[in-house]
């Protein structure tokens, strides 16, 4: 592989720290070309010094010679005193700055100055803390903050989960766990990998290895939707467990239950089963390079495959069997077919009622009964008598 470069920089929010004195640092999720993802922490004064040096390295692109040639984004100077309000209000500007920076020409976005600044430092993995000082407060940036930066609020309390078993990491972007570890969840991805922090460690963890503290069931999980959502398989997968499905790239399926562990229940014709959500894409959505690279990662493990589970809850999770999924799904499909058939019959009845009068057969006049011989002799003329006698 060639030189390292950054694919994407996402501003996660900021932390209010109290050691060695109160100060603020911004949290960035940096995605690299080797598909690794790292969280780094930078003060705004550091970011501004980095920005000034970048402008000096590229005077034409920074507009020093001709302002019309400027492509390096603007960044306001730090204030004499940066408090929480200024730190919070600056997030929208920083998020836009990082997006523009990564999309500049490669000679700028992939230069050593940029790469080295966003590399993981020792302090990022092991931030200086003091057990006597209270824990840093985390303020996360909302997903739609670019549309409305004024919606940024805080502090946001991170959810704490417990590890149900030991987990050995398989890449540098993941984090190892021991049964009983209490982790704070920074980001929940629908592919079943959650970004967590444990004391000084941070990394991706399979959601299946984590349990909520207040009960065995995940309150955020949606109910099954037997109407189904159309998805397209972007990567083939061969079933390992009996309740999984084997599908090929390009197959069209319906998702009927989205589970937080990244294994969704899908329907192919009238067959249901589990399939990794990271290998699916909603029908009609445009495929991106980031999504394609993500699918090169392995699917997260399923809870049913985890050994030596040590849960703090007496009752297990409420799980729906595949037989229930199949039965309810089949019932829904049959009801839909019945409703479509009834709608078609009603349509035919309406058409018959509205048929034009010209197309209907006209009623024929009734033929009266022939009069008796005595009645003809009494009431008819002589010429009529002769015809019938």
Protein backbone atom coordinates (compact mmCIF):
# COMPACT_ATOMS: atom_id res chain seq x y z
CA UNK A 1 0.00 0.00 0.00
CA UNK A 2 1.21 3.52 -0.75
CA UNK A 3 1.55 6.49 1.55
CA UNK A 4 -1.15 6.98 4.17
CA UNK A 5 -3.81 9.58 3.52
CA UNK A 6 -7.09 10.66 5.09
CA UNK A 7 -10.40 9.69 3.47
CA UNK A 8 -12.71 11.55 5.81
CA UNK A 9 -12.68 13.68 8.97
CA UNK A 10 -15.83 13.88 11.06
CA UNK A 11 -16.26 16.22 14.01
CA UNK A 12 -17.90 14.23 16.81
CA UNK A 13 -18.16 17.07 19.34
CA UNK A 14 -15.99 18.35 22.14
CA UNK A 15 -14.93 17.51 25.70
CA UNK A 16 -14.77 19.77 28.70
CA UNK A 17 -11.73 18.65 30.69
CA UNK A 18 -10.67 19.60 34.21
CA UNK A 19 -7.05 18.46 34.35
CA UNK A 20 -4.47 19.97 34.58
CA UNK A 21 -6.94 22.90 34.43
CA UNK A 22 -10.34 23.43 32.82
CA UNK A 23 -10.09 23.48 29.02
CA UNK A 24 -11.87 22.23 25.88
CA UNK A 25 -10.76 19.81 23.17
CA UNK A 26 -12.53 18.83 19.95
CA UNK A 27 -13.11 15.17 19.08
CA UNK A 28 -12.46 14.09 15.46
CA UNK A 29 -13.12 10.68 13.93
CA UNK A 30 -10.40 10.30 11.28
CA UNK A 31 -10.90 7.63 8.59
CA UNK A 32 -7.73 6.53 6.78
CA UNK A 33 -7.09 4.86 3.43
CA UNK A 34 -6.34 1.51 5.13
CA UNK A 35 -9.95 1.56 6.45
CA UNK A 36 -8.79 2.21 10.02
CA UNK A 37 -10.73 4.77 12.04
CA UNK A 38 -9.19 6.75 14.89
CA UNK A 39 -10.51 9.33 17.33
CA UNK A 40 -8.15 12.24 17.99
CA UNK A 41 -8.46 15.23 20.32
CA UNK A 42 -7.21 18.72 19.40
CA UNK A 43 -7.47 22.15 21.05
CA UNK A 44 -8.64 24.95 18.81
CA UNK A 45 -5.36 26.82 19.30
CA UNK A 46 -3.56 23.79 17.84
CA UNK A 47 -5.95 23.68 14.89
CA UNK A 48 -5.44 27.37 14.18
CA UNK A 49 -1.63 27.04 14.26
CA UNK A 50 -1.94 24.10 11.86
CA UNK A 51 -4.13 26.25 9.59
CA UNK A 52 -1.63 29.15 9.54
CA UNK A 53 1.25 26.83 8.63
CA UNK A 54 -0.85 25.26 5.84
CA UNK A 55 -1.49 28.71 4.34
CA UNK A 56 2.24 29.48 4.39
CA UNK A 57 3.00 26.21 2.58
CA UNK A 58 0.49 26.99 -0.20
CA UNK A 59 0.42 30.79 -0.69
CA UNK A 60 -1.39 30.65 -4.04
CA UNK A 61 -4.16 28.36 -2.80
CA UNK A 62 -4.50 30.44 0.38
CA UNK A 63 -5.09 33.61 -1.65
CA UNK A 64 -2.00 35.50 -0.48
CA UNK A 65 -1.06 36.41 -4.06
CA UNK A 66 -4.52 36.69 -5.59
CA UNK A 67 -7.58 36.38 -3.37
CA UNK A 68 -9.60 34.94 -6.27
CA UNK A 69 -7.35 31.86 -6.33
CA UNK A 70 -8.06 30.93 -2.71
CA UNK A 71 -9.36 27.39 -2.18
CA UNK A 72 -8.11 26.75 1.36
CA UNK A 73 -11.08 27.45 3.66
CA UNK A 74 -11.17 30.30 6.15
CA UNK A 75 -10.83 29.71 9.88
CA UNK A 76 -11.45 32.42 12.49
CA UNK A 77 -8.68 33.18 14.98
CA UNK A 78 -9.12 31.99 18.58
CA UNK A 79 -10.53 34.45 21.06
CA UNK A 80 -8.59 35.88 23.97
CA UNK A 81 -10.55 33.55 26.21
CA UNK A 82 -12.28 30.50 24.71
CA UNK A 83 -15.16 29.49 26.93
CA UNK A 84 -17.81 26.84 26.45
CA UNK A 85 -20.09 29.03 24.36
CA UNK A 86 -17.40 29.92 21.81
CA UNK A 87 -16.26 26.27 21.73
CA UNK A 88 -19.83 25.16 21.06
CA UNK A 89 -20.63 27.84 18.45
CA UNK A 90 -17.46 27.05 16.48
CA UNK A 91 -18.44 23.43 15.78
CA UNK A 92 -20.35 24.13 12.57
CA UNK A 93 -17.39 26.09 11.15
CA UNK A 94 -14.93 23.33 12.12
CA UNK A 95 -17.07 20.58 10.61
CA UNK A 96 -17.26 22.47 7.31
CA UNK A 97 -13.52 23.25 7.45
CA UNK A 98 -12.61 19.55 7.80
CA UNK A 99 -14.94 18.54 4.97
CA UNK A 100 -13.41 21.13 2.63
CA UNK A 101 -9.86 20.28 3.72
CA UNK A 102 -10.13 16.59 2.85
CA UNK A 103 -11.62 17.42 -0.56
CA UNK A 104 -8.84 19.83 -1.60
CA UNK A 105 -6.36 18.75 -4.34
CA UNK A 106 -4.16 15.84 -3.23
CA UNK A 107 -1.03 17.96 -3.01
CA UNK A 108 -2.73 19.75 -0.09
CA UNK A 109 -5.12 17.19 1.45
CA UNK A 110 -2.51 14.41 1.39
CA UNK A 111 0.57 16.41 2.29
CA UNK A 112 2.61 15.39 5.35
CA UNK A 113 1.52 18.49 7.25
CA UNK A 114 -2.14 17.36 7.14
CA UNK A 115 -1.40 13.67 7.65
CA UNK A 116 0.89 14.23 10.65
CA UNK A 117 -1.46 16.65 12.37
CA UNK A 118 -4.34 14.14 12.41
CA UNK A 119 -2.25 11.09 13.28
CA UNK A 120 -2.99 9.46 16.62
CA UNK A 121 -0.81 10.80 19.40
CA UNK A 122 0.04 9.22 22.73
CA UNK A 123 -2.31 11.65 24.49
CA UNK A 124 -5.18 10.59 22.22
CA UNK A 125 -4.90 6.98 23.37
CA UNK A 126 -3.94 7.85 26.95
CA UNK A 127 -5.27 11.29 27.86
CA UNK A 128 -3.80 12.85 31.00
CA UNK A 129 -6.32 12.38 33.82
CA UNK A 130 -6.45 12.63 37.58
CA UNK A 131 -8.64 10.26 39.54
CA UNK A 132 -9.37 13.03 42.04
CA UNK A 133 -10.76 15.32 39.34
CA UNK A 134 -14.23 14.68 37.97
CA UNK A 135 -14.66 12.89 34.66
CA UNK A 136 -14.59 15.00 31.45
CA UNK A 137 -18.00 16.08 30.16
CA UNK A 138 -18.75 15.01 26.59
CA UNK A 139 -20.79 17.20 24.22
CA UNK A 140 -21.71 15.38 20.99
CA UNK A 141 -22.49 17.11 17.72
CA UNK A 142 -26.01 16.28 16.41
CA UNK A 143 -26.26 14.52 13.04
CA UNK A 144 -28.10 17.43 11.41
CA UNK A 145 -25.89 20.17 12.88
CA UNK A 146 -24.73 21.31 9.43
CA UNK A 147 -28.30 22.23 8.56
CA UNK A 148 -28.95 24.05 11.84
CA UNK A 149 -25.87 24.71 14.01
CA UNK A 150 -28.05 26.43 16.64
CA UNK A 151 -29.49 23.03 17.57
CA UNK A 152 -26.20 22.04 19.23
CA UNK A 153 -26.94 21.36 22.88
CA UNK A 154 -25.25 19.67 25.78
CA UNK A 155 -24.06 18.08 27.81
CA UNK A 156 -25.03 14.75 26.26
CA UNK A 157 -24.67 11.87 28.67
CA UNK A 158 -23.20 8.83 26.95
CA UNK A 159 -24.97 5.52 27.45
CA UNK A 160 -23.11 2.97 29.53
CA UNK A 161 -23.18 -0.70 28.55
CA UNK A 162 -21.66 -3.82 30.06
CA UNK A 163 -19.58 -6.46 28.26
CA UNK A 164 -21.16 -9.94 28.55
CA UNK A 165 -18.01 -11.86 27.51
CA UNK A 166 -14.35 -11.46 26.61
CA UNK A 167 -13.70 -10.05 23.15
CA UNK A 168 -10.36 -10.12 21.35
CA UNK A 169 -9.97 -7.38 18.77
CA UNK A 170 -9.16 -8.33 15.17
CA UNK A 171 -7.85 -4.97 13.94
CA UNK A 172 -6.23 -1.83 15.30
CA UNK A 173 -9.51 0.10 14.99
CA UNK A 174 -11.29 -2.28 17.39
CA UNK A 175 -11.13 -2.44 21.17
CA UNK A 176 -10.67 -5.58 23.28
CA UNK A 177 -13.08 -6.25 26.14
CA UNK A 178 -13.23 -8.36 29.29
CA UNK A 179 -16.50 -9.68 30.67
CA UNK A 180 -17.89 -7.10 33.07
CA UNK A 181 -16.18 -4.07 31.49
CA UNK A 182 -18.35 -0.94 31.58
CA UNK A 183 -18.03 1.10 28.37
CA UNK A 184 -19.48 4.42 27.21
CA UNK A 185 -21.01 4.25 23.73
CA UNK A 186 -20.08 7.25 21.55
CA UNK A 187 -21.70 6.10 18.30
CA UNK A 188 -24.13 3.30 17.41
CA UNK A 189 -23.77 2.21 13.79
CA UNK A 190 -26.58 0.18 12.22
CA UNK A 191 -24.01 -2.28 10.87
CA UNK A 192 -23.59 -3.69 14.39
CA UNK A 193 -20.24 -2.05 15.24
CA UNK A 194 -20.39 0.54 18.05
CA UNK A 195 -17.66 3.09 18.81
CA UNK A 196 -16.95 2.93 22.54
CA UNK A 197 -14.56 4.28 25.11
CA UNK A 198 -13.26 2.53 28.21
CA UNK A 199 -11.10 4.70 30.46
CA UNK A 200 -8.20 5.65 28.16
CA UNK A 201 -9.07 3.18 25.38
CA UNK A 202 -11.35 3.81 22.40
CA UNK A 203 -12.39 1.66 19.47
CA UNK A 204 -15.10 -0.29 17.67
CA UNK A 205 -16.88 -3.09 19.53
CA UNK A 206 -19.50 -5.61 18.32
CA UNK A 207 -22.89 -4.58 19.71
CA UNK A 208 -23.70 -8.24 20.40
CA UNK A 209 -21.08 -8.24 23.19
CA UNK A 210 -22.80 -5.39 25.06
CA UNK A 211 -25.91 -5.37 27.23
CA UNK A 212 -27.86 -2.43 28.72
CA UNK A 213 -27.73 -2.09 32.50
CA UNK A 214 -31.43 -1.61 33.20
CA UNK A 215 -32.65 -4.81 31.52
CA UNK A 216 -31.79 -7.54 29.02
CA UNK A 217 -33.80 -6.00 26.17
CA UNK A 218 -32.61 -3.15 23.96
CA UNK A 219 -35.19 -0.35 24.25
CA UNK A 220 -34.12 1.28 20.97
CA UNK A 221 -34.84 -1.76 18.80
CA UNK A 222 -37.71 -1.38 16.36
CA UNK A 223 -40.66 -3.71 16.08
CA UNK A 224 -40.86 -6.03 13.04
CA UNK A 225 -42.30 -4.47 9.89
CA UNK A 226 -43.81 -7.32 7.89
CA UNK A 227 -44.63 -4.96 5.01
CA UNK A 228 -40.88 -4.97 4.40
CA UNK A 229 -38.46 -2.44 2.91
CA UNK A 230 -36.84 -3.17 -0.45
CA UNK A 231 -33.04 -3.63 -0.27
CA UNK A 232 -30.41 -4.88 -2.72
CA UNK A 233 -27.62 -7.27 -1.75
CA UNK A 234 -24.26 -5.59 -2.33
CA UNK A 235 -22.07 -8.47 -1.14
CA UNK A 236 -22.68 -12.22 -1.23
CA UNK A 237 -22.81 -14.17 2.00
CA UNK A 238 -22.99 -17.92 2.67
CA UNK A 239 -25.08 -18.92 5.67
CA UNK A 240 -23.16 -20.36 8.63
CA UNK A 241 -26.06 -20.85 11.05
CA UNK A 242 -29.35 -22.58 10.22
CA UNK A 243 -31.40 -19.40 10.65
CA UNK A 244 -29.27 -17.37 8.20
CA UNK A 245 -29.81 -16.93 4.46
CA UNK A 246 -27.36 -17.42 1.60
CA UNK A 247 -27.69 -14.68 -1.00
CA UNK A 248 -25.79 -13.44 -4.03
CA UNK A 249 -24.81 -9.93 -5.01
CA UNK A 250 -27.65 -8.23 -6.87
CA UNK A 251 -30.47 -10.15 -5.18
CA UNK A 252 -33.47 -8.05 -4.19
CA UNK A 253 -34.91 -8.76 -0.73
CA UNK A 254 -37.19 -7.17 1.86
CA UNK A 255 -36.01 -6.20 5.35
CA UNK A 256 -38.68 -6.97 7.96
CA UNK A 257 -36.76 -6.45 11.23
CA UNK A 258 -33.76 -4.16 11.83
CA UNK A 259 -31.80 -5.34 14.86
CA UNK A 260 -29.10 -3.29 16.55
CA UNK A 261 -26.52 -6.08 16.46
CA UNK A 262 -26.23 -5.60 12.69
CA UNK A 263 -28.00 -8.85 11.75
CA UNK A 264 -31.32 -8.02 10.12
CA UNK A 265 -34.21 -10.39 9.46
CA UNK A 266 -34.95 -10.35 5.75
CA UNK A 267 -37.47 -11.99 3.44
CA UNK A 268 -36.64 -13.57 0.09
CA UNK A 269 -39.89 -14.62 -1.60
CA UNK A 270 -41.58 -16.34 1.39
CA UNK A 271 -38.36 -17.42 3.17
CA UNK A 272 -36.98 -15.43 6.11
CA UNK A 273 -33.61 -15.45 7.86
CA UNK A 274 -30.74 -13.36 9.24
CA UNK A 275 -28.32 -11.45 6.99
CA UNK A 276 -25.53 -8.92 7.75
CA UNK A 277 -26.95 -5.40 7.35
CA UNK A 278 -23.56 -4.04 6.23
CA UNK A 279 -23.91 -6.07 3.00
CA UNK A 280 -27.28 -4.51 2.13
CA UNK A 281 -28.22 -1.21 0.50
CA UNK A 282 -31.64 0.37 0.31
CA UNK A 283 -33.18 0.12 -3.14
CA UNK A 284 -32.69 3.33 -5.09
CA UNK A 285 -29.79 4.65 -2.99
CA UNK A 286 -26.53 5.54 -4.72
CA UNK A 287 -23.54 3.39 -3.86
CA UNK A 288 -20.54 5.31 -2.47
CA UNK A 289 -16.88 4.43 -2.16
CA UNK A 290 -17.12 4.68 1.63
CA UNK A 291 -19.93 2.11 1.71
CA UNK A 292 -18.02 -0.17 -0.64
CA UNK A 293 -14.91 -0.02 1.54
CA UNK A 294 -16.96 -0.68 4.67
CA UNK A 295 -18.26 -3.92 3.16
CA UNK A 296 -14.69 -5.21 2.99
CA UNK A 297 -14.79 -5.53 6.77
CA UNK A 298 -16.10 -8.70 8.34
CA UNK A 299 -19.64 -8.90 9.66
CA UNK A 300 -19.93 -8.53 13.45
CA UNK A 301 -20.47 -11.70 15.49
CA UNK A 302 -23.99 -12.70 16.48
CA UNK A 303 -25.02 -12.97 20.12
CA UNK A 304 -26.07 -16.60 19.63
CA UNK A 305 -22.48 -17.52 18.70
CA UNK A 306 -20.86 -15.95 21.80
CA UNK A 307 -19.55 -18.44 24.34
CA UNK A 308 -19.15 -18.06 28.13
CA UNK A 309 -21.76 -15.30 28.37
CA UNK A 310 -21.94 -13.69 31.82
CA UNK A 311 -25.00 -11.48 32.03
CA UNK A 312 -26.17 -9.54 35.08
CA UNK A 313 -29.82 -10.13 34.15
CA UNK A 314 -31.68 -13.25 35.28
CA UNK A 315 -33.89 -13.30 32.21
CA UNK A 316 -32.52 -13.42 28.68
CA UNK A 317 -33.43 -11.20 25.77
CA UNK A 318 -36.86 -11.64 24.22
CA UNK A 319 -36.09 -13.20 20.87
CA UNK A 320 -38.49 -13.87 18.03
CA UNK A 321 -38.09 -17.30 16.45
CA UNK A 322 -37.70 -17.70 12.72
CA UNK A 323 -40.89 -19.75 12.74
CA UNK A 324 -42.76 -16.72 14.11
CA UNK A 325 -41.15 -14.47 11.51
CA UNK A 326 -42.13 -16.88 8.71
CA UNK A 327 -45.68 -17.38 9.98
CA UNK A 328 -46.40 -13.66 10.44
CA UNK A 329 -44.71 -12.79 7.17
CA UNK A 330 -46.70 -15.41 5.26
CA UNK A 331 -49.90 -14.24 6.93
CA UNK A 332 -49.16 -10.64 5.90
CA UNK A 333 -48.47 -11.64 2.29
CA UNK A 334 -51.70 -13.65 2.12
CA UNK A 335 -53.73 -10.75 3.56
CA UNK A 336 -52.23 -8.40 0.99
CA UNK A 337 -53.13 -10.77 -1.83
CA UNK A 338 -56.67 -11.14 -0.47
CA UNK A 339 -57.07 -7.36 -0.22
CA UNK A 340 -55.80 -6.90 -3.76
CA UNK A 341 -58.28 -9.54 -4.96
CA UNK A 342 -61.17 -7.84 -3.17
CA UNK A 343 -60.16 -4.48 -4.59
CA UNK A 344 -60.13 -5.96 -8.08
CA UNK A 345 -63.62 -7.44 -7.62
CA UNK A 346 -64.98 -4.13 -6.35
CA UNK A 347 -63.49 -2.39 -9.35
CA UNK A 348 -65.27 -4.81 -11.68
CA UNK A 349 -68.61 -4.19 -9.94
CA UNK A 350 -68.20 -0.45 -10.28
CA UNK A 351 -67.45 -0.82 -13.98
CA UNK A 352 -70.65 -2.85 -14.50
CA UNK A 353 -72.75 -0.27 -12.64
CA UNK A 354 -71.37 2.57 -14.71
CA UNK A 355 -71.83 0.81 -18.06
CA UNK A 356 -73.56 3.15 -20.64
CA UNK A 357 -77.29 2.62 -21.40
CA UNK A 358 -76.60 2.07 -25.11
CA UNK A 359 -74.58 -1.07 -24.32
CA UNK A 360 -77.35 -2.67 -22.24
CA UNK A 361 -79.95 -4.97 -24.00
CA UNK A 362 -83.34 -3.23 -24.30
CA UNK A 363 -86.42 -4.90 -22.75
CA UNK A 364 -88.82 -6.60 -25.26
CA UNK A 365 -92.65 -5.98 -25.04
CA UNK A 366 -94.71 -8.87 -23.62
CA UNK A 367 -96.91 -10.86 -26.14
CA UNK A 368 -100.60 -10.79 -25.02
CA UNK A 369 -102.56 -14.09 -24.89
CA UNK A 370 -104.67 -15.07 -27.93
CA UNK A 371 -108.47 -14.17 -27.41
CA UNK A 372 -111.00 -16.97 -27.26
CA UNK A 373 -113.26 -17.87 -30.25
CA UNK A 374 -116.44 -16.61 -28.51
CA UNK A 375 -114.81 -13.27 -27.72
CA UNK A 376 -113.79 -12.80 -31.38
CA UNK A 377 -117.34 -13.60 -32.63
CA UNK A 378 -118.87 -11.09 -30.25
CA UNK A 379 -116.44 -8.19 -30.72
CA UNK A 380 -114.79 -8.50 -34.12
CA UNK A 381 -116.05 -7.72 -37.63
CA UNK A 382 -117.30 -10.23 -40.18
CA UNK A 383 -114.00 -10.17 -42.07
CA UNK A 384 -112.15 -11.27 -38.92
CA UNK A 385 -114.62 -14.09 -38.35
CA UNK A 386 -113.97 -15.51 -41.78
CA UNK A 387 -110.17 -15.60 -41.05
CA UNK A 388 -110.48 -17.69 -37.96
CA UNK A 389 -113.50 -19.89 -38.83
